N, C-alpha and C. Protein backbone atom coordinates (compact mmCIF):
# COMPACT_ATOMS: atom_id res chain seq x y z
N MET A 1 10.91 -17.63 6.21
CA MET A 1 11.46 -18.79 4.85
C MET A 1 12.11 -20.22 5.42
N THR A 2 11.74 -21.18 5.11
CA THR A 2 12.39 -22.06 5.30
C THR A 2 13.41 -22.70 3.93
N GLY A 3 14.09 -24.03 4.20
CA GLY A 3 14.68 -24.48 2.98
C GLY A 3 15.78 -23.59 2.89
N GLY A 4 16.36 -24.02 1.56
CA GLY A 4 17.83 -23.60 1.18
C GLY A 4 18.10 -21.96 1.28
N ASP A 5 19.28 -21.79 0.83
CA ASP A 5 19.34 -20.10 1.38
C ASP A 5 18.50 -19.66 -0.31
N VAL A 6 18.79 -17.98 0.27
CA VAL A 6 17.87 -17.43 -0.73
C VAL A 6 19.03 -16.23 -1.04
N GLY A 7 19.40 -16.16 -2.45
CA GLY A 7 20.17 -15.48 -2.79
C GLY A 7 20.01 -15.31 -4.20
N ALA A 8 21.60 -14.97 -5.13
CA ALA A 8 21.40 -14.84 -6.55
C ALA A 8 20.83 -16.13 -7.45
N GLY A 9 19.70 -15.84 -8.17
CA GLY A 9 18.92 -16.76 -9.00
C GLY A 9 18.19 -17.17 -8.32
N THR A 10 17.51 -16.44 -7.42
CA THR A 10 16.60 -17.01 -6.62
C THR A 10 15.43 -15.60 -6.72
N SER A 11 13.78 -16.51 -6.90
CA SER A 11 12.60 -15.11 -6.70
C SER A 11 12.22 -15.47 -5.46
N TYR A 12 11.35 -14.44 -4.83
CA TYR A 12 11.31 -14.61 -3.30
C TYR A 12 10.29 -13.64 -3.05
N THR A 13 9.03 -13.56 -1.80
CA THR A 13 8.21 -12.81 -1.45
C THR A 13 8.44 -12.18 -0.12
N LEU A 14 8.83 -11.13 0.16
CA LEU A 14 9.00 -10.98 1.73
C LEU A 14 7.71 -10.04 2.32
N ALA A 15 7.06 -10.47 3.23
CA ALA A 15 5.99 -9.58 3.78
C ALA A 15 5.97 -8.92 5.29
N ALA A 16 5.43 -8.39 5.58
CA ALA A 16 5.48 -7.95 6.99
C ALA A 16 4.51 -6.76 7.48
N TRP A 17 3.67 -7.20 8.56
CA TRP A 17 2.88 -5.95 9.32
C TRP A 17 4.12 -5.12 10.35
N ILE A 18 3.85 -3.53 9.93
CA ILE A 18 4.45 -3.02 11.07
C ILE A 18 3.82 -1.70 11.24
N ASN A 19 4.26 -1.25 12.34
CA ASN A 19 3.77 -0.02 13.00
C ASN A 19 4.98 1.02 13.33
N PRO A 20 5.30 1.70 12.38
CA PRO A 20 6.34 2.23 13.00
C PRO A 20 6.30 3.52 13.88
N SER A 21 7.13 4.02 14.87
CA SER A 21 6.99 4.86 15.65
C SER A 21 7.59 6.23 14.66
N ASP A 22 8.49 6.23 14.39
CA ASP A 22 8.63 7.23 13.92
C ASP A 22 9.28 6.77 11.80
N LEU A 23 9.49 7.60 11.58
CA LEU A 23 9.84 7.10 10.28
C LEU A 23 11.45 7.89 9.64
N SER A 24 11.95 7.88 10.34
CA SER A 24 13.81 9.09 10.21
C SER A 24 14.50 7.56 9.91
N GLY A 25 15.55 8.08 9.31
CA GLY A 25 16.42 7.02 8.41
C GLY A 25 15.83 5.65 8.24
N ASP A 26 16.69 4.83 7.76
CA ASP A 26 16.75 3.44 7.36
C ASP A 26 16.56 2.22 9.01
N GLN A 27 15.40 1.62 8.26
CA GLN A 27 15.00 0.79 9.79
C GLN A 27 14.59 -0.48 9.08
N GLY A 28 15.63 -1.38 9.43
CA GLY A 28 15.34 -2.75 8.96
C GLY A 28 13.96 -3.77 9.38
N LEU A 29 13.48 -4.21 8.91
CA LEU A 29 12.47 -5.45 8.60
C LEU A 29 12.51 -6.94 8.62
N ILE A 30 13.14 -7.13 7.51
CA ILE A 30 13.46 -8.57 7.32
C ILE A 30 14.96 -8.62 6.37
N SER A 31 16.09 -9.36 7.33
CA SER A 31 17.19 -9.41 6.34
C SER A 31 17.27 -10.96 6.39
N ARG A 32 18.56 -11.47 5.51
CA ARG A 32 19.46 -12.56 6.00
C ARG A 32 20.37 -12.61 5.19
N ASP A 33 21.33 -12.65 6.18
CA ASP A 33 22.94 -12.94 6.32
C ASP A 33 23.34 -11.60 5.39
N PHE A 34 24.13 -11.90 4.13
CA PHE A 34 24.36 -10.81 2.93
C PHE A 34 23.24 -11.20 1.46
N SER A 35 22.07 -12.00 1.79
CA SER A 35 21.38 -11.99 0.83
C SER A 35 20.38 -10.86 -0.07
N PHE A 36 19.78 -10.33 1.48
CA PHE A 36 19.11 -9.41 1.24
C PHE A 36 18.93 -8.51 2.44
N GLY A 37 18.34 -7.22 2.10
CA GLY A 37 17.81 -6.45 3.60
C GLY A 37 16.38 -5.67 2.73
N PHE A 38 15.21 -6.11 3.71
CA PHE A 38 14.20 -5.53 3.23
C PHE A 38 13.83 -4.13 4.49
N LYS A 39 13.42 -3.17 4.43
CA LYS A 39 13.71 -1.71 4.93
C LYS A 39 12.66 -0.94 4.80
N MET A 40 12.43 -0.04 5.64
CA MET A 40 11.70 1.31 5.39
C MET A 40 13.08 2.34 5.74
N THR A 41 12.81 3.16 4.71
CA THR A 41 13.69 4.61 4.30
C THR A 41 12.83 5.58 4.25
N GLY A 42 12.46 6.33 5.45
CA GLY A 42 12.01 7.25 5.41
C GLY A 42 10.19 6.77 5.31
N SER A 43 10.12 7.42 4.78
CA SER A 43 8.33 7.16 4.59
C SER A 43 7.98 6.00 3.41
N SER A 44 9.29 5.74 2.88
CA SER A 44 9.36 4.50 1.34
C SER A 44 10.17 3.45 1.80
N LEU A 45 9.83 2.35 1.28
CA LEU A 45 10.41 0.83 1.35
C LEU A 45 12.05 0.47 -0.01
N ARG A 46 12.25 -0.08 0.82
CA ARG A 46 13.64 -0.41 -0.40
C ARG A 46 13.98 -1.92 0.07
N LEU A 47 14.45 -2.50 -0.81
CA LEU A 47 15.11 -3.98 -0.80
C LEU A 47 16.45 -3.79 -1.24
N THR A 48 17.58 -3.79 -0.65
CA THR A 48 18.91 -4.03 -0.67
C THR A 48 19.58 -5.44 -1.13
N THR A 49 19.76 -5.34 -2.27
CA THR A 49 20.29 -7.31 -2.86
C THR A 49 22.18 -6.54 -2.72
N PRO A 50 22.87 -6.73 -1.31
CA PRO A 50 24.11 -6.37 -1.54
C PRO A 50 25.19 -6.68 -2.85
N SER A 51 25.78 -5.54 -3.16
CA SER A 51 27.21 -5.99 -3.74
C SER A 51 25.82 -5.67 -5.32
N ILE A 52 24.82 -5.76 -5.53
CA ILE A 52 24.29 -5.92 -7.09
C ILE A 52 23.07 -4.63 -6.84
N LYS A 53 22.19 -4.30 -6.25
CA LYS A 53 21.17 -3.26 -6.54
C LYS A 53 20.42 -2.97 -5.65
N ASP A 54 19.76 -1.59 -4.80
CA ASP A 54 19.26 -0.74 -3.92
C ASP A 54 18.09 -0.69 -5.08
N HIS A 55 16.91 -1.73 -4.70
CA HIS A 55 15.61 -1.25 -5.23
C HIS A 55 14.61 -0.42 -4.05
N THR A 56 14.02 0.87 -5.06
CA THR A 56 13.29 1.96 -4.08
C THR A 56 12.08 2.03 -4.01
N ALA A 57 10.80 1.72 -3.39
CA ALA A 57 9.59 1.73 -3.91
C ALA A 57 9.08 3.40 -3.94
N SER A 58 8.54 3.79 -4.79
CA SER A 58 7.98 5.20 -5.23
C SER A 58 7.06 5.31 -4.65
N GLY A 59 6.40 6.83 -4.00
CA GLY A 59 4.66 6.73 -3.60
C GLY A 59 4.44 5.85 -2.47
N VAL A 60 5.06 5.01 -1.84
CA VAL A 60 4.52 4.47 -0.88
C VAL A 60 3.87 5.02 0.24
N GLY A 61 4.57 6.14 0.72
CA GLY A 61 3.25 7.04 1.97
C GLY A 61 3.29 6.39 3.61
N LEU A 62 4.28 5.67 3.78
CA LEU A 62 4.27 5.10 5.02
C LEU A 62 3.73 5.66 6.07
N VAL A 63 2.91 5.53 7.01
CA VAL A 63 2.71 6.47 8.40
C VAL A 63 3.47 6.13 9.36
N ALA A 64 3.82 6.63 10.02
CA ALA A 64 3.82 6.61 11.68
C ALA A 64 3.19 6.18 12.23
N GLY A 65 2.65 5.36 13.82
CA GLY A 65 1.77 5.44 14.30
C GLY A 65 0.55 4.26 14.24
N GLU A 66 0.77 4.02 12.31
CA GLU A 66 -0.26 2.97 12.44
C GLU A 66 0.01 1.85 11.85
N TRP A 67 -0.62 0.48 11.93
CA TRP A 67 -0.70 -0.82 11.29
C TRP A 67 -0.39 -1.04 9.47
N GLN A 68 0.16 -1.19 9.11
CA GLN A 68 0.42 -1.83 7.50
C GLN A 68 0.80 -2.66 7.40
N HIS A 69 0.42 -3.15 6.15
CA HIS A 69 0.98 -4.13 5.64
C HIS A 69 1.77 -3.87 4.60
N VAL A 70 3.19 -4.16 4.01
CA VAL A 70 4.11 -4.10 3.58
C VAL A 70 4.82 -5.31 2.98
N ALA A 71 5.13 -5.49 1.75
CA ALA A 71 5.42 -7.04 1.32
C ALA A 71 6.08 -6.12 -0.29
N VAL A 72 7.17 -7.23 -0.95
CA VAL A 72 7.71 -6.89 -1.94
C VAL A 72 8.13 -8.40 -2.43
N SER A 73 7.99 -8.68 -3.72
CA SER A 73 8.52 -9.48 -4.51
C SER A 73 9.41 -9.45 -5.45
N PHE A 74 10.47 -9.99 -5.34
CA PHE A 74 11.81 -10.44 -5.99
C PHE A 74 12.45 -11.50 -7.18
N ASN A 75 12.28 -10.82 -8.45
CA ASN A 75 12.05 -11.79 -9.49
C ASN A 75 13.77 -11.71 -9.99
N THR A 76 14.41 -12.53 -10.15
CA THR A 76 16.02 -12.48 -10.44
C THR A 76 15.85 -12.22 -12.01
N GLY A 77 16.61 -11.54 -12.85
CA GLY A 77 16.63 -11.60 -14.42
C GLY A 77 15.29 -10.61 -14.49
N GLN A 78 14.35 -10.08 -14.20
CA GLN A 78 13.23 -9.28 -14.18
C GLN A 78 13.43 -7.93 -14.52
N ALA A 79 13.10 -7.46 -15.74
CA ALA A 79 13.61 -5.97 -15.71
C ALA A 79 12.93 -5.49 -14.53
N GLY A 80 13.71 -4.21 -13.46
CA GLY A 80 12.92 -4.03 -12.06
C GLY A 80 13.32 -4.85 -11.41
N GLY A 81 13.38 -6.35 -11.98
CA GLY A 81 13.85 -7.12 -10.21
C GLY A 81 12.37 -7.04 -9.41
N ALA A 82 11.84 -5.56 -8.71
CA ALA A 82 11.88 -5.91 -7.50
C ALA A 82 10.11 -5.27 -7.74
N LYS A 83 8.84 -5.85 -6.76
CA LYS A 83 7.82 -5.08 -7.15
C LYS A 83 6.88 -4.78 -5.27
N PHE A 84 6.68 -3.74 -4.85
CA PHE A 84 6.35 -3.48 -3.74
C PHE A 84 5.01 -3.51 -3.90
N TYR A 85 4.68 -3.90 -2.30
CA TYR A 85 2.61 -3.70 -1.96
C TYR A 85 2.43 -3.10 -1.11
């Protein structure tokens, strides 16, 4: 990301190619200070907006030892807020 701060009142999309060696616990993928954290949690994905809400994807099914493209779009003020890909 470039430009200003990402935080409350902002919409954004985060994406990454990942090849996890294991799927245990929480493993951070992308974060920015105290604005957000995009992470793997077991075989699923989670977007954390500190002091606001944790958004967890259902049915993602990440696989250890394989390349996968993961993404999340976050829209402030939208019901649910986060959409995972």
